[in-house]
mmCIF file of all heavy atoms, coordinates in Angstrom:
data_MODEL
# 
_entry.id   MODEL 
# 
loop_
_atom_site.group_PDB 
_atom_site.id 
_atom_site.type_symbol 
_atom_site.label_atom_id 
_atom_site.label_alt_id 
_atom_site.label_comp_id 
_atom_site.label_asym_id 
_atom_site.label_entity_id 
_atom_site.label_seq_id 
_atom_site.pdbx_PDB_ins_code 
_atom_site.Cartn_x 
_atom_site.Cartn_y 
_atom_site.Cartn_z 
_atom_site.occupancy 
_atom_site.B_iso_or_equiv 
_atom_site.pdbx_formal_charge 
_atom_site.auth_seq_id 
_atom_site.auth_comp_id 
_atom_site.auth_asym_id 
_atom_site.auth_atom_id 
_atom_site.pdbx_PDB_model_num 
ATOM 1   N N   . TYR A 1 1  ? 7.977   -8.304  -11.683 1.00 0.00 ? 1  TYR A N   1 
ATOM 2   C CA  . TYR A 1 1  ? 7.861   -8.781  -10.296 1.00 0.00 ? 1  TYR A CA  1 
ATOM 3   C C   . TYR A 1 1  ? 7.454   -7.628  -9.387  1.00 0.00 ? 1  TYR A C   1 
ATOM 4   O O   . TYR A 1 1  ? 6.552   -7.761  -8.561  1.00 0.00 ? 1  TYR A O   1 
ATOM 5   C CB  . TYR A 1 1  ? 9.188   -9.383  -9.822  1.00 0.00 ? 1  TYR A CB  1 
ATOM 6   C CG  . TYR A 1 1  ? 9.161   -9.740  -8.357  1.00 0.00 ? 1  TYR A CG  1 
ATOM 7   C CD1 . TYR A 1 1  ? 8.696   -10.980 -7.940  1.00 0.00 ? 1  TYR A CD1 1 
ATOM 8   C CD2 . TYR A 1 1  ? 9.576   -8.831  -7.386  1.00 0.00 ? 1  TYR A CD2 1 
ATOM 9   C CE1 . TYR A 1 1  ? 8.649   -11.307 -6.591  1.00 0.00 ? 1  TYR A CE1 1 
ATOM 10  C CE2 . TYR A 1 1  ? 9.525   -9.142  -6.037  1.00 0.00 ? 1  TYR A CE2 1 
ATOM 11  C CZ  . TYR A 1 1  ? 9.058   -10.389 -5.646  1.00 0.00 ? 1  TYR A CZ  1 
ATOM 12  O OH  . TYR A 1 1  ? 8.997   -10.702 -4.306  1.00 0.00 ? 1  TYR A OH  1 
ATOM 13  N N   . LYS A 1 2  ? 8.113   -6.489  -9.550  1.00 0.00 ? 2  LYS A N   1 
ATOM 14  C CA  . LYS A 1 2  ? 7.809   -5.327  -8.713  1.00 0.00 ? 2  LYS A CA  1 
ATOM 15  C C   . LYS A 1 2  ? 6.385   -4.834  -8.946  1.00 0.00 ? 2  LYS A C   1 
ATOM 16  O O   . LYS A 1 2  ? 5.700   -4.429  -8.006  1.00 0.00 ? 2  LYS A O   1 
ATOM 17  C CB  . LYS A 1 2  ? 8.807   -4.203  -8.982  1.00 0.00 ? 2  LYS A CB  1 
ATOM 18  C CG  . LYS A 1 2  ? 10.205  -4.525  -8.498  1.00 0.00 ? 2  LYS A CG  1 
ATOM 19  C CD  . LYS A 1 2  ? 11.193  -3.447  -8.888  1.00 0.00 ? 2  LYS A CD  1 
ATOM 20  C CE  . LYS A 1 2  ? 12.602  -3.817  -8.484  1.00 0.00 ? 2  LYS A CE  1 
ATOM 21  N NZ  . LYS A 1 2  ? 13.582  -2.811  -8.918  1.00 0.00 ? 2  LYS A NZ  1 
ATOM 22  N N   . LEU A 1 3  ? 5.910   -4.865  -10.192 1.00 0.00 ? 3  LEU A N   1 
ATOM 23  C CA  . LEU A 1 3  ? 4.531   -4.461  -10.481 1.00 0.00 ? 3  LEU A CA  1 
ATOM 24  C C   . LEU A 1 3  ? 3.537   -5.415  -9.827  1.00 0.00 ? 3  LEU A C   1 
ATOM 25  O O   . LEU A 1 3  ? 2.560   -4.989  -9.217  1.00 0.00 ? 3  LEU A O   1 
ATOM 26  C CB  . LEU A 1 3  ? 4.277   -4.437  -11.996 1.00 0.00 ? 3  LEU A CB  1 
ATOM 27  C CG  . LEU A 1 3  ? 4.947   -3.335  -12.791 1.00 0.00 ? 3  LEU A CG  1 
ATOM 28  C CD1 . LEU A 1 3  ? 4.703   -3.547  -14.279 1.00 0.00 ? 3  LEU A CD1 1 
ATOM 29  C CD2 . LEU A 1 3  ? 4.439   -1.975  -12.357 1.00 0.00 ? 3  LEU A CD2 1 
ATOM 30  N N   . GLU A 1 4  ? 3.804   -6.689  -9.964  1.00 0.00 ? 4  GLU A N   1 
ATOM 31  C CA  . GLU A 1 4  ? 2.889   -7.692  -9.414  1.00 0.00 ? 4  GLU A CA  1 
ATOM 32  C C   . GLU A 1 4  ? 2.857   -7.682  -7.893  1.00 0.00 ? 4  GLU A C   1 
ATOM 33  O O   . GLU A 1 4  ? 1.859   -8.072  -7.293  1.00 0.00 ? 4  GLU A O   1 
ATOM 34  C CB  . GLU A 1 4  ? 3.254   -9.082  -9.920  1.00 0.00 ? 4  GLU A CB  1 
ATOM 35  C CG  . GLU A 1 4  ? 2.996   -9.266  -11.402 1.00 0.00 ? 4  GLU A CG  1 
ATOM 36  C CD  . GLU A 1 4  ? 3.375   -10.642 -11.915 1.00 0.00 ? 4  GLU A CD  1 
ATOM 37  O OE1 . GLU A 1 4  ? 3.886   -11.480 -11.142 1.00 0.00 ? 4  GLU A OE1 1 
ATOM 38  O OE2 . GLU A 1 4  ? 3.155   -10.891 -13.118 1.00 0.00 ? 4  GLU A OE2 1 
ATOM 39  N N   . HIS A 1 5  ? 3.922   -7.226  -7.279  1.00 0.00 ? 5  HIS A N   1 
ATOM 40  C CA  . HIS A 1 5  ? 4.009   -7.207  -5.818  1.00 0.00 ? 5  HIS A CA  1 
ATOM 41  C C   . HIS A 1 5  ? 3.922   -5.795  -5.232  1.00 0.00 ? 5  HIS A C   1 
ATOM 42  O O   . HIS A 1 5  ? 4.295   -5.567  -4.082  1.00 0.00 ? 5  HIS A O   1 
ATOM 43  C CB  . HIS A 1 5  ? 5.294   -7.907  -5.364  1.00 0.00 ? 5  HIS A CB  1 
ATOM 44  C CG  . HIS A 1 5  ? 5.248   -9.375  -5.624  1.00 0.00 ? 5  HIS A CG  1 
ATOM 45  N ND1 . HIS A 1 5  ? 5.645   -9.935  -6.817  1.00 0.00 ? 5  HIS A ND1 1 
ATOM 46  C CD2 . HIS A 1 5  ? 4.798   -10.390 -4.862  1.00 0.00 ? 5  HIS A CD2 1 
ATOM 47  C CE1 . HIS A 1 5  ? 5.458   -11.233 -6.763  1.00 0.00 ? 5  HIS A CE1 1 
ATOM 48  N NE2 . HIS A 1 5  ? 4.951   -11.540 -5.594  1.00 0.00 ? 5  HIS A NE2 1 
ATOM 49  N N   . LEU A 1 6  ? 3.431   -4.853  -6.045  1.00 0.00 ? 6  LEU A N   1 
ATOM 50  C CA  . LEU A 1 6  ? 3.162   -3.480  -5.605  1.00 0.00 ? 6  LEU A CA  1 
ATOM 51  C C   . LEU A 1 6  ? 4.383   -2.762  -5.056  1.00 0.00 ? 6  LEU A C   1 
ATOM 52  O O   . LEU A 1 6  ? 4.277   -1.904  -4.185  1.00 0.00 ? 6  LEU A O   1 
ATOM 53  C CB  . LEU A 1 6  ? 2.034   -3.460  -4.560  1.00 0.00 ? 6  LEU A CB  1 
ATOM 54  C CG  . LEU A 1 6  ? 0.760   -4.223  -4.914  1.00 0.00 ? 6  LEU A CG  1 
ATOM 55  C CD1 . LEU A 1 6  ? -0.223  -4.159  -3.769  1.00 0.00 ? 6  LEU A CD1 1 
ATOM 56  C CD2 . LEU A 1 6  ? 0.147   -3.698  -6.185  1.00 0.00 ? 6  LEU A CD2 1 
ATOM 57  N N   . GLU A 1 7  ? 5.546   -3.102  -5.575  1.00 0.00 ? 7  GLU A N   1 
ATOM 58  C CA  . GLU A 1 7  ? 6.772   -2.468  -5.113  1.00 0.00 ? 7  GLU A CA  1 
ATOM 59  C C   . GLU A 1 7  ? 7.129   -1.223  -5.916  1.00 0.00 ? 7  GLU A C   1 
ATOM 60  O O   . GLU A 1 7  ? 8.097   -0.552  -5.594  1.00 0.00 ? 7  GLU A O   1 
ATOM 61  C CB  . GLU A 1 7  ? 7.928   -3.470  -5.145  1.00 0.00 ? 7  GLU A CB  1 
ATOM 62  C CG  . GLU A 1 7  ? 7.753   -4.599  -4.150  1.00 0.00 ? 7  GLU A CG  1 
ATOM 63  C CD  . GLU A 1 7  ? 8.893   -5.595  -4.190  1.00 0.00 ? 7  GLU A CD  1 
ATOM 64  O OE1 . GLU A 1 7  ? 9.929   -5.331  -4.844  1.00 0.00 ? 7  GLU A OE1 1 
ATOM 65  O OE2 . GLU A 1 7  ? 8.748   -6.651  -3.563  1.00 0.00 ? 7  GLU A OE2 1 
ATOM 66  N N   . THR A 1 8  ? 6.376   -0.948  -6.962  1.00 0.00 ? 8  THR A N   1 
ATOM 67  C CA  . THR A 1 8  ? 6.630   0.228   -7.784  1.00 0.00 ? 8  THR A CA  1 
ATOM 68  C C   . THR A 1 8  ? 5.311   0.728   -8.350  1.00 0.00 ? 8  THR A C   1 
ATOM 69  O O   . THR A 1 8  ? 4.352   -0.021  -8.454  1.00 0.00 ? 8  THR A O   1 
ATOM 70  C CB  . THR A 1 8  ? 7.634   -0.076  -8.918  1.00 0.00 ? 8  THR A CB  1 
ATOM 71  O OG1 . THR A 1 8  ? 8.012   1.135   -9.544  1.00 0.00 ? 8  THR A OG1 1 
ATOM 72  C CG2 . THR A 1 8  ? 7.062   -1.023  -9.945  1.00 0.00 ? 8  THR A CG2 1 
ATOM 73  N N   . ASN A 1 9  ? 5.275   1.999   -8.675  1.00 0.00 ? 9  ASN A N   1 
ATOM 74  C CA  . ASN A 1 9  ? 4.099   2.565   -9.340  1.00 0.00 ? 9  ASN A CA  1 
ATOM 75  C C   . ASN A 1 9  ? 4.238   2.354   -10.838 1.00 0.00 ? 9  ASN A C   1 
ATOM 76  O O   . ASN A 1 9  ? 5.339   2.365   -11.369 1.00 0.00 ? 9  ASN A O   1 
ATOM 77  C CB  . ASN A 1 9  ? 3.983   4.066   -9.054  1.00 0.00 ? 9  ASN A CB  1 
ATOM 78  C CG  . ASN A 1 9  ? 3.568   4.347   -7.641  1.00 0.00 ? 9  ASN A CG  1 
ATOM 79  O OD1 . ASN A 1 9  ? 2.739   3.643   -7.074  1.00 0.00 ? 9  ASN A OD1 1 
ATOM 80  N ND2 . ASN A 1 9  ? 4.140   5.378   -7.048  1.00 0.00 ? 9  ASN A ND2 1 
ATOM 81  N N   . ILE A 1 10 ? 3.123   2.209   -11.505 1.00 0.00 ? 10 ILE A N   1 
ATOM 82  C CA  . ILE A 1 10 ? 3.147   2.026   -12.951 1.00 0.00 ? 10 ILE A CA  1 
ATOM 83  C C   . ILE A 1 10 ? 2.647   3.297   -13.629 1.00 0.00 ? 10 ILE A C   1 
ATOM 84  O O   . ILE A 1 10 ? 1.697   3.920   -13.159 1.00 0.00 ? 10 ILE A O   1 
ATOM 85  C CB  . ILE A 1 10 ? 2.302   0.803   -13.371 1.00 0.00 ? 10 ILE A CB  1 
ATOM 86  C CG1 . ILE A 1 10 ? 2.531   0.473   -14.844 1.00 0.00 ? 10 ILE A CG1 1 
ATOM 87  C CG2 . ILE A 1 10 ? 0.836   0.994   -13.057 1.00 0.00 ? 10 ILE A CG2 1 
ATOM 88  C CD1 . ILE A 1 10 ? 2.006   -0.893  -15.253 1.00 0.00 ? 10 ILE A CD1 1 
ATOM 89  N N   . THR A 1 11 ? 3.326   3.693   -14.679 1.00 0.00 ? 11 THR A N   1 
ATOM 90  C CA  . THR A 1 11 ? 2.872   4.847   -15.450 1.00 0.00 ? 11 THR A CA  1 
ATOM 91  C C   . THR A 1 11 ? 1.902   4.357   -16.522 1.00 0.00 ? 11 THR A C   1 
ATOM 92  O O   . THR A 1 11 ? 1.855   3.162   -16.841 1.00 0.00 ? 11 THR A O   1 
ATOM 93  C CB  . THR A 1 11 ? 4.051   5.570   -16.133 1.00 0.00 ? 11 THR A CB  1 
ATOM 94  O OG1 . THR A 1 11 ? 4.615   4.692   -17.115 1.00 0.00 ? 11 THR A OG1 1 
ATOM 95  C CG2 . THR A 1 11 ? 5.104   6.006   -15.131 1.00 0.00 ? 11 THR A CG2 1 
ATOM 96  N N   . ILE A 1 12 ? 1.165   5.276   -17.086 1.00 0.00 ? 12 ILE A N   1 
ATOM 97  C CA  . ILE A 1 12 ? 0.232   4.935   -18.159 1.00 0.00 ? 12 ILE A CA  1 
ATOM 98  C C   . ILE A 1 12 ? 1.000   4.358   -19.354 1.00 0.00 ? 12 ILE A C   1 
ATOM 99  O O   . ILE A 1 12 ? 0.588   3.368   -19.951 1.00 0.00 ? 12 ILE A O   1 
ATOM 100 C CB  . ILE A 1 12 ? -0.594  6.166   -18.591 1.00 0.00 ? 12 ILE A CB  1 
ATOM 101 C CG1 . ILE A 1 12 ? -1.448  6.682   -17.437 1.00 0.00 ? 12 ILE A CG1 1 
ATOM 102 C CG2 . ILE A 1 12 ? -1.446  5.861   -19.812 1.00 0.00 ? 12 ILE A CG2 1 
ATOM 103 C CD1 . ILE A 1 12 ? -2.518  5.735   -16.958 1.00 0.00 ? 12 ILE A CD1 1 
ATOM 104 N N   . ASN A 1 13 ? 2.140   4.938   -19.673 1.00 0.00 ? 13 ASN A N   1 
ATOM 105 C CA  . ASN A 1 13 ? 2.938   4.442   -20.804 1.00 0.00 ? 13 ASN A CA  1 
ATOM 106 C C   . ASN A 1 13 ? 3.422   3.019   -20.560 1.00 0.00 ? 13 ASN A C   1 
ATOM 107 O O   . ASN A 1 13 ? 3.400   2.186   -21.470 1.00 0.00 ? 13 ASN A O   1 
ATOM 108 C CB  . ASN A 1 13 ? 4.129   5.356   -21.078 1.00 0.00 ? 13 ASN A CB  1 
ATOM 109 C CG  . ASN A 1 13 ? 3.722   6.694   -21.641 1.00 0.00 ? 13 ASN A CG  1 
ATOM 110 O OD1 . ASN A 1 13 ? 2.663   6.819   -22.261 1.00 0.00 ? 13 ASN A OD1 1 
ATOM 111 N ND2 . ASN A 1 13 ? 4.546   7.698   -21.438 1.00 0.00 ? 13 ASN A ND2 1 
ATOM 112 N N   . THR A 1 14 ? 3.860   2.735   -19.350 1.00 0.00 ? 14 THR A N   1 
ATOM 113 C CA  . THR A 1 14 ? 4.323   1.390   -19.027 1.00 0.00 ? 14 THR A CA  1 
ATOM 114 C C   . THR A 1 14 ? 3.154   0.413   -19.025 1.00 0.00 ? 14 THR A C   1 
ATOM 115 O O   . THR A 1 14 ? 3.284   -0.716  -19.503 1.00 0.00 ? 14 THR A O   1 
ATOM 116 C CB  . THR A 1 14 ? 5.055   1.367   -17.676 1.00 0.00 ? 14 THR A CB  1 
ATOM 117 O OG1 . THR A 1 14 ? 6.158   2.265   -17.734 1.00 0.00 ? 14 THR A OG1 1 
ATOM 118 C CG2 . THR A 1 14 ? 5.557   -0.026  -17.337 1.00 0.00 ? 14 THR A CG2 1 
ATOM 119 N N   . LEU A 1 15 ? 2.020   0.836   -18.511 1.00 0.00 ? 15 LEU A N   1 
ATOM 120 C CA  . LEU A 1 15 ? 0.840   -0.029  -18.522 1.00 0.00 ? 15 LEU A CA  1 
ATOM 121 C C   . LEU A 1 15 ? 0.471   -0.398  -19.956 1.00 0.00 ? 15 LEU A C   1 
ATOM 122 O O   . LEU A 1 15 ? 0.156   -1.552  -20.252 1.00 0.00 ? 15 LEU A O   1 
ATOM 123 C CB  . LEU A 1 15 ? -0.341  0.642   -17.820 1.00 0.00 ? 15 LEU A CB  1 
ATOM 124 C CG  . LEU A 1 15 ? -1.638  -0.150  -17.784 1.00 0.00 ? 15 LEU A CG  1 
ATOM 125 C CD1 . LEU A 1 15 ? -1.452  -1.511  -17.129 1.00 0.00 ? 15 LEU A CD1 1 
ATOM 126 C CD2 . LEU A 1 15 ? -2.718  0.648   -17.060 1.00 0.00 ? 15 LEU A CD2 1 
ATOM 127 N N   . GLU A 1 16 ? 0.547   0.576   -20.852 1.00 0.00 ? 16 GLU A N   1 
ATOM 128 C CA  . GLU A 1 16 ? 0.247   0.301   -22.254 1.00 0.00 ? 16 GLU A CA  1 
ATOM 129 C C   . GLU A 1 16 ? 1.244   -0.710  -22.830 1.00 0.00 ? 16 GLU A C   1 
ATOM 130 O O   . GLU A 1 16 ? 0.856   -1.631  -23.554 1.00 0.00 ? 16 GLU A O   1 
ATOM 131 C CB  . GLU A 1 16 ? 0.268   1.588   -23.057 1.00 0.00 ? 16 GLU A CB  1 
ATOM 132 C CG  . GLU A 1 16 ? -0.191  1.403   -24.487 1.00 0.00 ? 16 GLU A CG  1 
ATOM 133 C CD  . GLU A 1 16 ? -0.310  2.713   -25.241 1.00 0.00 ? 16 GLU A CD  1 
ATOM 134 O OE1 . GLU A 1 16 ? 0.511   3.626   -25.018 1.00 0.00 ? 16 GLU A OE1 1 
ATOM 135 O OE2 . GLU A 1 16 ? -1.234  2.803   -26.056 1.00 0.00 ? 16 GLU A OE2 1 
ATOM 136 N N   . LYS A 1 17 ? 2.525   -0.587  -22.508 1.00 0.00 ? 17 LYS A N   1 
ATOM 137 C CA  . LYS A 1 17 ? 3.538   -1.541  -22.967 1.00 0.00 ? 17 LYS A CA  1 
ATOM 138 C C   . LYS A 1 17 ? 3.248   -2.949  -22.436 1.00 0.00 ? 17 LYS A C   1 
ATOM 139 O O   . LYS A 1 17 ? 3.363   -3.934  -23.163 1.00 0.00 ? 17 LYS A O   1 
ATOM 140 C CB  . LYS A 1 17 ? 4.933   -1.120  -22.494 1.00 0.00 ? 17 LYS A CB  1 
ATOM 141 C CG  . LYS A 1 17 ? 5.508   0.070   -23.201 1.00 0.00 ? 17 LYS A CG  1 
ATOM 142 C CD  . LYS A 1 17 ? 6.882   0.364   -22.627 1.00 0.00 ? 17 LYS A CD  1 
ATOM 143 C CE  . LYS A 1 17 ? 7.530   1.572   -23.230 1.00 0.00 ? 17 LYS A CE  1 
ATOM 144 N NZ  . LYS A 1 17 ? 8.879   1.802   -22.665 1.00 0.00 ? 17 LYS A NZ  1 
ATOM 145 N N   . VAL A 1 18 ? 2.873   -3.027  -21.160 1.00 0.00 ? 18 VAL A N   1 
ATOM 146 C CA  . VAL A 1 18 ? 2.582   -4.321  -20.547 1.00 0.00 ? 18 VAL A CA  1 
ATOM 147 C C   . VAL A 1 18 ? 1.344   -4.942  -21.198 1.00 0.00 ? 18 VAL A C   1 
ATOM 148 O O   . VAL A 1 18 ? 1.333   -6.141  -21.500 1.00 0.00 ? 18 VAL A O   1 
ATOM 149 C CB  . VAL A 1 18 ? 2.407   -4.189  -19.016 1.00 0.00 ? 18 VAL A CB  1 
ATOM 150 C CG1 . VAL A 1 18 ? 1.875   -5.482  -18.403 1.00 0.00 ? 18 VAL A CG1 1 
ATOM 151 C CG2 . VAL A 1 18 ? 3.730   -3.803  -18.362 1.00 0.00 ? 18 VAL A CG2 1 
ATOM 152 N N   . MET A 1 19 ? 0.314   -4.127  -21.431 1.00 0.00 ? 19 MET A N   1 
ATOM 153 C CA  . MET A 1 19 ? -0.893  -4.655  -22.080 1.00 0.00 ? 19 MET A CA  1 
ATOM 154 C C   . MET A 1 19 ? -0.565  -5.169  -23.480 1.00 0.00 ? 19 MET A C   1 
ATOM 155 O O   . MET A 1 19 ? -1.059  -6.228  -23.878 1.00 0.00 ? 19 MET A O   1 
ATOM 156 C CB  . MET A 1 19 ? -1.992  -3.590  -22.135 1.00 0.00 ? 19 MET A CB  1 
ATOM 157 C CG  . MET A 1 19 ? -2.589  -3.305  -20.772 1.00 0.00 ? 19 MET A CG  1 
ATOM 158 S SD  . MET A 1 19 ? -4.058  -2.239  -20.747 1.00 0.00 ? 19 MET A SD  1 
ATOM 159 C CE  . MET A 1 19 ? -3.679  -0.958  -21.884 1.00 0.00 ? 19 MET A CE  1 
ATOM 160 N N   . ASN A 1 20 ? 0.280   -4.464  -24.212 1.00 0.00 ? 20 ASN A N   1 
ATOM 161 C CA  . ASN A 1 20 ? 0.697   -4.941  -25.535 1.00 0.00 ? 20 ASN A CA  1 
ATOM 162 C C   . ASN A 1 20 ? 1.473   -6.251  -25.418 1.00 0.00 ? 20 ASN A C   1 
ATOM 163 O O   . ASN A 1 20 ? 1.272   -7.163  -26.212 1.00 0.00 ? 20 ASN A O   1 
ATOM 164 C CB  . ASN A 1 20 ? 1.538   -3.890  -26.255 1.00 0.00 ? 20 ASN A CB  1 
ATOM 165 C CG  . ASN A 1 20 ? 0.724   -2.710  -26.725 1.00 0.00 ? 20 ASN A CG  1 
ATOM 166 O OD1 . ASN A 1 20 ? -0.476  -2.820  -26.971 1.00 0.00 ? 20 ASN A OD1 1 
ATOM 167 N ND2 . ASN A 1 20 ? 1.362   -1.564  -26.846 1.00 0.00 ? 20 ASN A ND2 1 
ATOM 168 N N   . ALA A 1 21 ? 2.355   -6.333  -24.435 1.00 0.00 ? 21 ALA A N   1 
ATOM 169 C CA  . ALA A 1 21 ? 3.130   -7.560  -24.219 1.00 0.00 ? 21 ALA A CA  1 
ATOM 170 C C   . ALA A 1 21 ? 2.218   -8.726  -23.849 1.00 0.00 ? 21 ALA A C   1 
ATOM 171 O O   . ALA A 1 21 ? 2.490   -9.875  -24.215 1.00 0.00 ? 21 ALA A O   1 
ATOM 172 C CB  . ALA A 1 21 ? 4.178   -7.338  -23.129 1.00 0.00 ? 21 ALA A CB  1 
ATOM 173 N N   . LEU A 1 22 ? 1.138   -8.419  -23.131 1.00 0.00 ? 22 LEU A N   1 
ATOM 174 C CA  . LEU A 1 22 ? 0.170   -9.448  -22.743 1.00 0.00 ? 22 LEU A CA  1 
ATOM 175 C C   . LEU A 1 22 ? -0.844  -9.742  -23.852 1.00 0.00 ? 22 LEU A C   1 
ATOM 176 O O   . LEU A 1 22 ? -1.703  -10.598 -23.693 1.00 0.00 ? 22 LEU A O   1 
ATOM 177 C CB  . LEU A 1 22 ? -0.585  -9.013  -21.485 1.00 0.00 ? 22 LEU A CB  1 
ATOM 178 C CG  . LEU A 1 22 ? 0.212   -8.971  -20.195 1.00 0.00 ? 22 LEU A CG  1 
ATOM 179 C CD1 . LEU A 1 22 ? -0.562  -8.248  -19.106 1.00 0.00 ? 22 LEU A CD1 1 
ATOM 180 C CD2 . LEU A 1 22 ? 0.570   -10.390 -19.751 1.00 0.00 ? 22 LEU A CD2 1 
ATOM 181 N N   . GLU A 1 23 ? -0.713  -9.000  -24.948 1.00 0.00 ? 23 GLU A N   1 
ATOM 182 C CA  . GLU A 1 23 ? -1.606  -9.167  -26.102 1.00 0.00 ? 23 GLU A CA  1 
ATOM 183 C C   . GLU A 1 23 ? -3.067  -8.953  -25.722 1.00 0.00 ? 23 GLU A C   1 
ATOM 184 O O   . GLU A 1 23 ? -3.951  -9.725  -26.077 1.00 0.00 ? 23 GLU A O   1 
ATOM 185 C CB  . GLU A 1 23 ? -1.421  -10.544 -26.738 1.00 0.00 ? 23 GLU A CB  1 
ATOM 186 C CG  . GLU A 1 23 ? -0.014  -10.795 -27.213 1.00 0.00 ? 23 GLU A CG  1 
ATOM 187 C CD  . GLU A 1 23 ? 0.249   -12.227 -27.612 1.00 0.00 ? 23 GLU A CD  1 
ATOM 188 O OE1 . GLU A 1 23 ? -0.570  -13.124 -27.307 1.00 0.00 ? 23 GLU A OE1 1 
ATOM 189 O OE2 . GLU A 1 23 ? 1.303   -12.456 -28.222 1.00 0.00 ? 23 GLU A OE2 1 
ATOM 190 N N   . CYS A 1 24 ? -3.322  -7.877  -24.954 1.00 0.00 ? 24 CYS A N   1 
ATOM 191 C CA  . CYS A 1 24 ? -4.693  -7.567  -24.570 1.00 0.00 ? 24 CYS A CA  1 
ATOM 192 C C   . CYS A 1 24 ? -4.952  -6.081  -24.756 1.00 0.00 ? 24 CYS A C   1 
ATOM 193 O O   . CYS A 1 24 ? -4.041  -5.269  -24.701 1.00 0.00 ? 24 CYS A O   1 
ATOM 194 C CB  . CYS A 1 24 ? -4.996  -8.017  -23.152 1.00 0.00 ? 24 CYS A CB  1 
ATOM 195 S SG  . CYS A 1 24 ? -4.182  -7.093  -21.863 1.00 0.00 ? 24 CYS A SG  1 
ATOM 196 N N   . ASP A 1 25 ? -6.213  -5.770  -24.978 1.00 0.00 ? 25 ASP A N   1 
ATOM 197 C CA  . ASP A 1 25 ? -6.590  -4.378  -25.156 1.00 0.00 ? 25 ASP A CA  1 
ATOM 198 C C   . ASP A 1 25 ? -7.137  -3.814  -23.845 1.00 0.00 ? 25 ASP A C   1 
ATOM 199 O O   . ASP A 1 25 ? -7.195  -4.516  -22.831 1.00 0.00 ? 25 ASP A O   1 
ATOM 200 C CB  . ASP A 1 25 ? -7.603  -4.220  -26.294 1.00 0.00 ? 25 ASP A CB  1 
ATOM 201 C CG  . ASP A 1 25 ? -8.875  -5.020  -26.058 1.00 0.00 ? 25 ASP A CG  1 
ATOM 202 O OD1 . ASP A 1 25 ? -9.116  -5.492  -24.930 1.00 0.00 ? 25 ASP A OD1 1 
ATOM 203 O OD2 . ASP A 1 25 ? -9.645  -5.174  -27.014 1.00 0.00 ? 25 ASP A OD2 1 
ATOM 204 N N   . ILE A 1 26 ? -7.528  -2.565  -23.876 1.00 0.00 ? 26 ILE A N   1 
ATOM 205 C CA  . ILE A 1 26 ? -8.013  -1.891  -22.671 1.00 0.00 ? 26 ILE A CA  1 
ATOM 206 C C   . ILE A 1 26 ? -9.220  -2.607  -22.086 1.00 0.00 ? 26 ILE A C   1 
ATOM 207 O O   . ILE A 1 26 ? -9.282  -2.857  -20.883 1.00 0.00 ? 26 ILE A O   1 
ATOM 208 C CB  . ILE A 1 26 ? -8.360  -0.417  -22.974 1.00 0.00 ? 26 ILE A CB  1 
ATOM 209 C CG1 . ILE A 1 26 ? -7.110  0.360   -23.371 1.00 0.00 ? 26 ILE A CG1 1 
ATOM 210 C CG2 . ILE A 1 26 ? -9.025  0.249   -21.769 1.00 0.00 ? 26 ILE A CG2 1 
ATOM 211 C CD1 . ILE A 1 26 ? -7.400  1.730   -23.956 1.00 0.00 ? 26 ILE A CD1 1 
ATOM 212 N N   . SER A 1 27 ? -10.157 -2.958  -22.946 1.00 0.00 ? 27 SER A N   1 
ATOM 213 C CA  . SER A 1 27 ? -11.388 -3.600  -22.474 1.00 0.00 ? 27 SER A CA  1 
ATOM 214 C C   . SER A 1 27 ? -11.119 -4.924  -21.781 1.00 0.00 ? 27 SER A C   1 
ATOM 215 O O   . SER A 1 27 ? -11.699 -5.204  -20.736 1.00 0.00 ? 27 SER A O   1 
ATOM 216 C CB  . SER A 1 27 ? -12.356 -3.819  -23.634 1.00 0.00 ? 27 SER A CB  1 
ATOM 217 O OG  . SER A 1 27 ? -12.735 -2.600  -24.187 1.00 0.00 ? 27 SER A OG  1 
# 
């Protein structure tokens, strides 16, 4: 919720975890 509403900064490591959870790659 905080990520989607810009209430927190995202780290590269967390972004990678979220992309894996979303089942999507970088591209």
